[in-house]
Amino acid sequence: MLIAKVVGTTVSTIKDEKIIGQKLLIVRQTDENGEPFGKPYVAVDTVNAGVGDLVLTASGSSARQTTITKDRPVDAVIMAMIDSLEVDGKVTFRKG
């Protein structure tokens, strides 16, 4: 699992029939303080996340293990929204 921040949305009118109706969001991996780094990537949203949310993502074959993404052509999925992060006893992020 990776910590990521939702940074945008994706609209695709023509796509594989197995992902029709799925919300596609653009995310970037973050560090333990919620600071984004690296390249953005697209993930199927299974938890109704939105821009600005800090989320947990899975990729590869693990991305196809949720009820919504099982046996679908996806490589990344958002499967949880983060309420808070605590590192070494210090809260580094709290959803506000």
N, C-alpha and C. Protein backbone atom coordinates (compact mmCIF):
# COMPACT_ATOMS: atom_id res chain seq x y z
N MET A 1 0.84 -1.18 0.00
CA MET A 1 0.00 0.00 0.00
C MET A 1 0.88 1.24 0.00
N LEU A 2 0.39 2.27 -0.68
CA LEU A 2 1.09 3.54 -0.71
C LEU A 2 0.17 4.64 -0.20
N ILE A 3 0.77 5.63 0.47
CA ILE A 3 0.03 6.83 0.85
C ILE A 3 0.08 7.76 -0.35
N ALA A 4 -1.06 8.31 -0.74
CA ALA A 4 -1.11 9.20 -1.90
C ALA A 4 -2.11 10.32 -1.65
N LYS A 5 -1.95 11.41 -2.40
CA LYS A 5 -2.87 12.53 -2.33
C LYS A 5 -3.59 12.63 -3.67
N VAL A 6 -4.90 12.81 -3.61
CA VAL A 6 -5.68 12.99 -4.84
C VAL A 6 -5.43 14.41 -5.34
N VAL A 7 -4.91 14.50 -6.57
CA VAL A 7 -4.55 15.80 -7.12
C VAL A 7 -5.39 16.21 -8.31
N GLY A 8 -6.25 15.32 -8.81
CA GLY A 8 -7.08 15.68 -9.96
C GLY A 8 -8.04 14.57 -10.34
N THR A 9 -8.76 14.82 -11.42
CA THR A 9 -9.74 13.86 -11.92
C THR A 9 -9.42 13.52 -13.37
N THR A 10 -9.96 12.42 -13.83
CA THR A 10 -9.80 11.98 -15.22
C THR A 10 -11.17 11.70 -15.80
N VAL A 11 -11.42 12.20 -17.00
CA VAL A 11 -12.67 11.91 -17.71
C VAL A 11 -12.32 11.14 -18.97
N SER A 12 -12.97 10.02 -19.16
CA SER A 12 -12.73 9.18 -20.33
C SER A 12 -14.08 8.67 -20.83
N THR A 13 -14.49 9.16 -21.99
CA THR A 13 -15.80 8.74 -22.52
C THR A 13 -15.71 7.40 -23.26
N ILE A 14 -14.53 7.07 -23.76
CA ILE A 14 -14.34 5.80 -24.45
C ILE A 14 -13.35 4.98 -23.63
N LYS A 15 -13.83 3.83 -23.12
CA LYS A 15 -12.97 2.98 -22.30
C LYS A 15 -13.47 1.55 -22.32
N ASP A 16 -12.68 0.65 -21.79
CA ASP A 16 -13.07 -0.75 -21.71
C ASP A 16 -14.38 -0.87 -20.96
N GLU A 17 -15.25 -1.74 -21.43
CA GLU A 17 -16.58 -1.87 -20.81
C GLU A 17 -16.52 -2.30 -19.34
N LYS A 18 -15.43 -2.94 -18.92
CA LYS A 18 -15.32 -3.39 -17.54
C LYS A 18 -15.04 -2.25 -16.56
N ILE A 19 -14.67 -1.07 -17.07
CA ILE A 19 -14.45 0.06 -16.16
C ILE A 19 -15.43 1.21 -16.41
N ILE A 20 -16.45 0.96 -17.23
CA ILE A 20 -17.50 1.97 -17.42
C ILE A 20 -18.18 2.21 -16.08
N GLY A 21 -18.37 3.47 -15.74
CA GLY A 21 -19.03 3.83 -14.49
C GLY A 21 -18.07 3.97 -13.32
N GLN A 22 -16.79 3.66 -13.52
CA GLN A 22 -15.81 3.78 -12.44
C GLN A 22 -15.21 5.19 -12.43
N LYS A 23 -15.08 5.77 -11.23
CA LYS A 23 -14.47 7.08 -11.09
C LYS A 23 -12.96 6.92 -11.11
N LEU A 24 -12.30 7.70 -11.98
CA LEU A 24 -10.85 7.64 -12.13
C LEU A 24 -10.25 8.93 -11.60
N LEU A 25 -9.35 8.82 -10.63
CA LEU A 25 -8.73 9.99 -10.01
C LEU A 25 -7.22 9.98 -10.25
N ILE A 26 -6.64 11.17 -10.30
CA ILE A 26 -5.20 11.31 -10.44
C ILE A 26 -4.62 11.48 -9.03
N VAL A 27 -3.64 10.65 -8.70
CA VAL A 27 -3.02 10.68 -7.37
C VAL A 27 -1.51 10.77 -7.51
N ARG A 28 -0.87 11.27 -6.45
CA ARG A 28 0.60 11.29 -6.35
C ARG A 28 0.98 10.71 -5.01
N GLN A 29 1.98 9.86 -5.00
CA GLN A 29 2.47 9.29 -3.75
C GLN A 29 2.95 10.42 -2.84
N THR A 30 2.82 10.23 -1.52
CA THR A 30 3.28 11.22 -0.56
C THR A 30 4.23 10.59 0.44
N ASP A 31 4.94 11.45 1.16
CA ASP A 31 5.77 10.96 2.26
C ASP A 31 4.90 10.84 3.51
N GLU A 32 5.52 10.54 4.63
CA GLU A 32 4.77 10.33 5.88
C GLU A 32 4.15 11.61 6.43
N ASN A 33 4.50 12.76 5.85
CA ASN A 33 3.91 14.03 6.25
C ASN A 33 2.81 14.48 5.30
N GLY A 34 2.52 13.65 4.30
CA GLY A 34 1.48 13.99 3.33
C GLY A 34 1.96 14.90 2.21
N GLU A 35 3.28 15.04 2.06
CA GLU A 35 3.84 15.88 1.00
C GLU A 35 4.04 15.06 -0.28
N PRO A 36 3.39 15.47 -1.38
CA PRO A 36 3.47 14.70 -2.63
C PRO A 36 4.88 14.70 -3.24
N PHE A 37 5.21 13.60 -3.92
CA PHE A 37 6.44 13.50 -4.70
C PHE A 37 6.20 12.48 -5.81
N GLY A 38 7.07 12.45 -6.76
CA GLY A 38 6.97 11.47 -7.84
C GLY A 38 5.93 11.84 -8.88
N LYS A 39 5.79 10.94 -9.83
CA LYS A 39 4.88 11.15 -10.96
C LYS A 39 3.44 10.85 -10.55
N PRO A 40 2.49 11.61 -11.10
CA PRO A 40 1.08 11.30 -10.85
C PRO A 40 0.68 10.03 -11.60
N TYR A 41 -0.33 9.34 -11.08
CA TYR A 41 -0.87 8.17 -11.75
C TYR A 41 -2.37 8.12 -11.53
N VAL A 42 -3.06 7.34 -12.34
CA VAL A 42 -4.52 7.24 -12.27
C VAL A 42 -4.91 6.00 -11.47
N ALA A 43 -5.89 6.16 -10.59
CA ALA A 43 -6.38 5.03 -9.79
C ALA A 43 -7.91 5.02 -9.80
N VAL A 44 -8.47 3.83 -9.79
CA VAL A 44 -9.92 3.67 -9.67
C VAL A 44 -10.30 3.96 -8.22
N ASP A 45 -11.30 4.81 -8.04
CA ASP A 45 -11.75 5.20 -6.70
C ASP A 45 -12.86 4.28 -6.22
N THR A 46 -12.65 3.59 -5.11
CA THR A 46 -13.69 2.71 -4.56
C THR A 46 -14.31 3.26 -3.28
N VAL A 47 -13.86 4.45 -2.83
CA VAL A 47 -14.30 4.98 -1.53
C VAL A 47 -14.86 6.40 -1.60
N ASN A 48 -15.15 6.89 -2.81
CA ASN A 48 -15.70 8.23 -3.01
C ASN A 48 -14.76 9.33 -2.51
N ALA A 49 -13.48 9.19 -2.83
CA ALA A 49 -12.48 10.21 -2.48
C ALA A 49 -12.64 11.42 -3.40
N GLY A 50 -11.97 12.51 -3.04
CA GLY A 50 -12.01 13.72 -3.85
C GLY A 50 -10.67 14.42 -3.83
N VAL A 51 -10.55 15.43 -4.67
CA VAL A 51 -9.31 16.19 -4.76
C VAL A 51 -8.95 16.74 -3.38
N GLY A 52 -7.69 16.56 -3.00
CA GLY A 52 -7.19 17.01 -1.70
C GLY A 52 -7.17 15.93 -0.65
N ASP A 53 -7.90 14.83 -0.85
CA ASP A 53 -7.92 13.76 0.15
C ASP A 53 -6.60 12.99 0.15
N LEU A 54 -6.20 12.56 1.33
CA LEU A 54 -5.07 11.65 1.49
C LEU A 54 -5.64 10.25 1.55
N VAL A 55 -5.10 9.33 0.74
CA VAL A 55 -5.69 8.01 0.56
C VAL A 55 -4.63 6.92 0.61
N LEU A 56 -5.08 5.68 0.72
CA LEU A 56 -4.22 4.51 0.57
C LEU A 56 -4.52 3.89 -0.79
N THR A 57 -3.47 3.55 -1.52
CA THR A 57 -3.65 2.93 -2.82
C THR A 57 -2.91 1.59 -2.87
N ALA A 58 -3.35 0.75 -3.77
CA ALA A 58 -2.66 -0.50 -4.07
C ALA A 58 -2.47 -0.55 -5.57
N SER A 59 -1.44 -1.26 -6.01
CA SER A 59 -1.19 -1.33 -7.44
C SER A 59 -0.88 -2.76 -7.86
N GLY A 60 -0.80 -2.94 -9.17
CA GLY A 60 -0.53 -4.27 -9.71
C GLY A 60 -1.69 -5.21 -9.45
N SER A 61 -1.38 -6.49 -9.26
CA SER A 61 -2.45 -7.47 -9.06
C SER A 61 -3.26 -7.19 -7.81
N SER A 62 -2.67 -6.53 -6.82
CA SER A 62 -3.41 -6.17 -5.60
C SER A 62 -4.54 -5.20 -5.89
N ALA A 63 -4.40 -4.40 -6.93
CA ALA A 63 -5.44 -3.43 -7.29
C ALA A 63 -6.71 -4.12 -7.78
N ARG A 64 -6.61 -5.37 -8.15
CA ARG A 64 -7.78 -6.10 -8.65
C ARG A 64 -8.39 -7.00 -7.59
N GLN A 65 -8.16 -6.69 -6.31
CA GLN A 65 -8.67 -7.52 -5.23
C GLN A 65 -9.89 -6.94 -4.52
N THR A 66 -10.30 -5.70 -4.86
CA THR A 66 -11.49 -5.13 -4.23
C THR A 66 -12.74 -5.66 -4.93
N THR A 67 -13.87 -5.53 -4.30
CA THR A 67 -15.14 -5.96 -4.90
C THR A 67 -15.39 -5.25 -6.21
N ILE A 68 -15.09 -3.96 -6.25
CA ILE A 68 -15.36 -3.15 -7.44
C ILE A 68 -14.37 -3.44 -8.58
N THR A 69 -13.13 -3.77 -8.26
CA THR A 69 -12.11 -3.93 -9.31
C THR A 69 -11.77 -5.37 -9.66
N LYS A 70 -12.40 -6.33 -9.01
CA LYS A 70 -12.09 -7.74 -9.26
C LYS A 70 -12.28 -8.07 -10.75
N ASP A 71 -11.25 -8.68 -11.32
CA ASP A 71 -11.27 -9.12 -12.74
C ASP A 71 -11.47 -7.98 -13.72
N ARG A 72 -11.01 -6.78 -13.34
CA ARG A 72 -11.11 -5.63 -14.24
C ARG A 72 -9.70 -5.16 -14.60
N PRO A 73 -9.55 -4.50 -15.75
CA PRO A 73 -8.21 -4.09 -16.20
C PRO A 73 -7.73 -2.81 -15.51
N VAL A 74 -7.40 -2.92 -14.23
CA VAL A 74 -6.91 -1.76 -13.49
C VAL A 74 -5.54 -2.09 -12.89
N ASP A 75 -4.72 -1.05 -12.75
CA ASP A 75 -3.39 -1.23 -12.20
C ASP A 75 -3.21 -0.48 -10.89
N ALA A 76 -4.17 0.40 -10.55
CA ALA A 76 -4.10 1.11 -9.27
C ALA A 76 -5.51 1.36 -8.77
N VAL A 77 -5.67 1.27 -7.44
CA VAL A 77 -6.98 1.47 -6.83
C VAL A 77 -6.82 2.27 -5.54
N ILE A 78 -7.80 3.13 -5.29
CA ILE A 78 -7.90 3.82 -4.00
C ILE A 78 -8.85 2.98 -3.17
N MET A 79 -8.35 2.44 -2.03
CA MET A 79 -9.21 1.56 -1.25
C MET A 79 -9.44 2.04 0.17
N ALA A 80 -8.89 3.22 0.53
CA ALA A 80 -9.14 3.78 1.85
C ALA A 80 -8.82 5.26 1.86
N MET A 81 -9.57 6.02 2.67
CA MET A 81 -9.27 7.43 2.91
C MET A 81 -8.61 7.53 4.28
N ILE A 82 -7.56 8.32 4.38
CA ILE A 82 -6.81 8.44 5.63
C ILE A 82 -7.39 9.56 6.48
N ASP A 83 -7.68 9.26 7.76
CA ASP A 83 -8.15 10.26 8.71
C ASP A 83 -6.98 10.94 9.40
N SER A 84 -5.94 10.15 9.72
CA SER A 84 -4.77 10.74 10.37
C SER A 84 -3.56 9.84 10.16
N LEU A 85 -2.39 10.46 10.26
CA LEU A 85 -1.12 9.74 10.23
C LEU A 85 -0.36 10.07 11.50
N GLU A 86 0.21 9.07 12.14
CA GLU A 86 1.06 9.29 13.31
C GLU A 86 2.38 8.58 13.07
N VAL A 87 3.48 9.32 13.15
CA VAL A 87 4.82 8.78 12.91
C VAL A 87 5.69 9.09 14.12
N ASP A 88 6.30 8.08 14.70
CA ASP A 88 7.15 8.24 15.88
C ASP A 88 6.46 9.02 17.00
N GLY A 89 5.17 8.73 17.20
CA GLY A 89 4.41 9.36 18.27
C GLY A 89 3.93 10.76 17.97
N LYS A 90 4.18 11.28 16.79
CA LYS A 90 3.77 12.63 16.41
C LYS A 90 2.75 12.54 15.27
N VAL A 91 1.64 13.24 15.43
CA VAL A 91 0.63 13.28 14.37
C VAL A 91 1.16 14.18 13.26
N THR A 92 1.35 13.61 12.07
CA THR A 92 1.88 14.37 10.94
C THR A 92 0.79 14.80 9.97
N PHE A 93 -0.40 14.20 10.10
CA PHE A 93 -1.54 14.58 9.26
C PHE A 93 -2.81 14.27 10.01
N ARG A 94 -3.76 15.18 9.93
CA ARG A 94 -5.10 14.95 10.46
C ARG A 94 -6.07 15.60 9.50
N LYS A 95 -7.05 14.79 9.04
CA LYS A 95 -8.05 15.30 8.11
C LYS A 95 -8.83 16.40 8.79
N GLY A 96 -8.90 17.55 8.13
CA GLY A 96 -9.54 18.68 8.78
C GLY A 96 -10.74 19.11 8.07
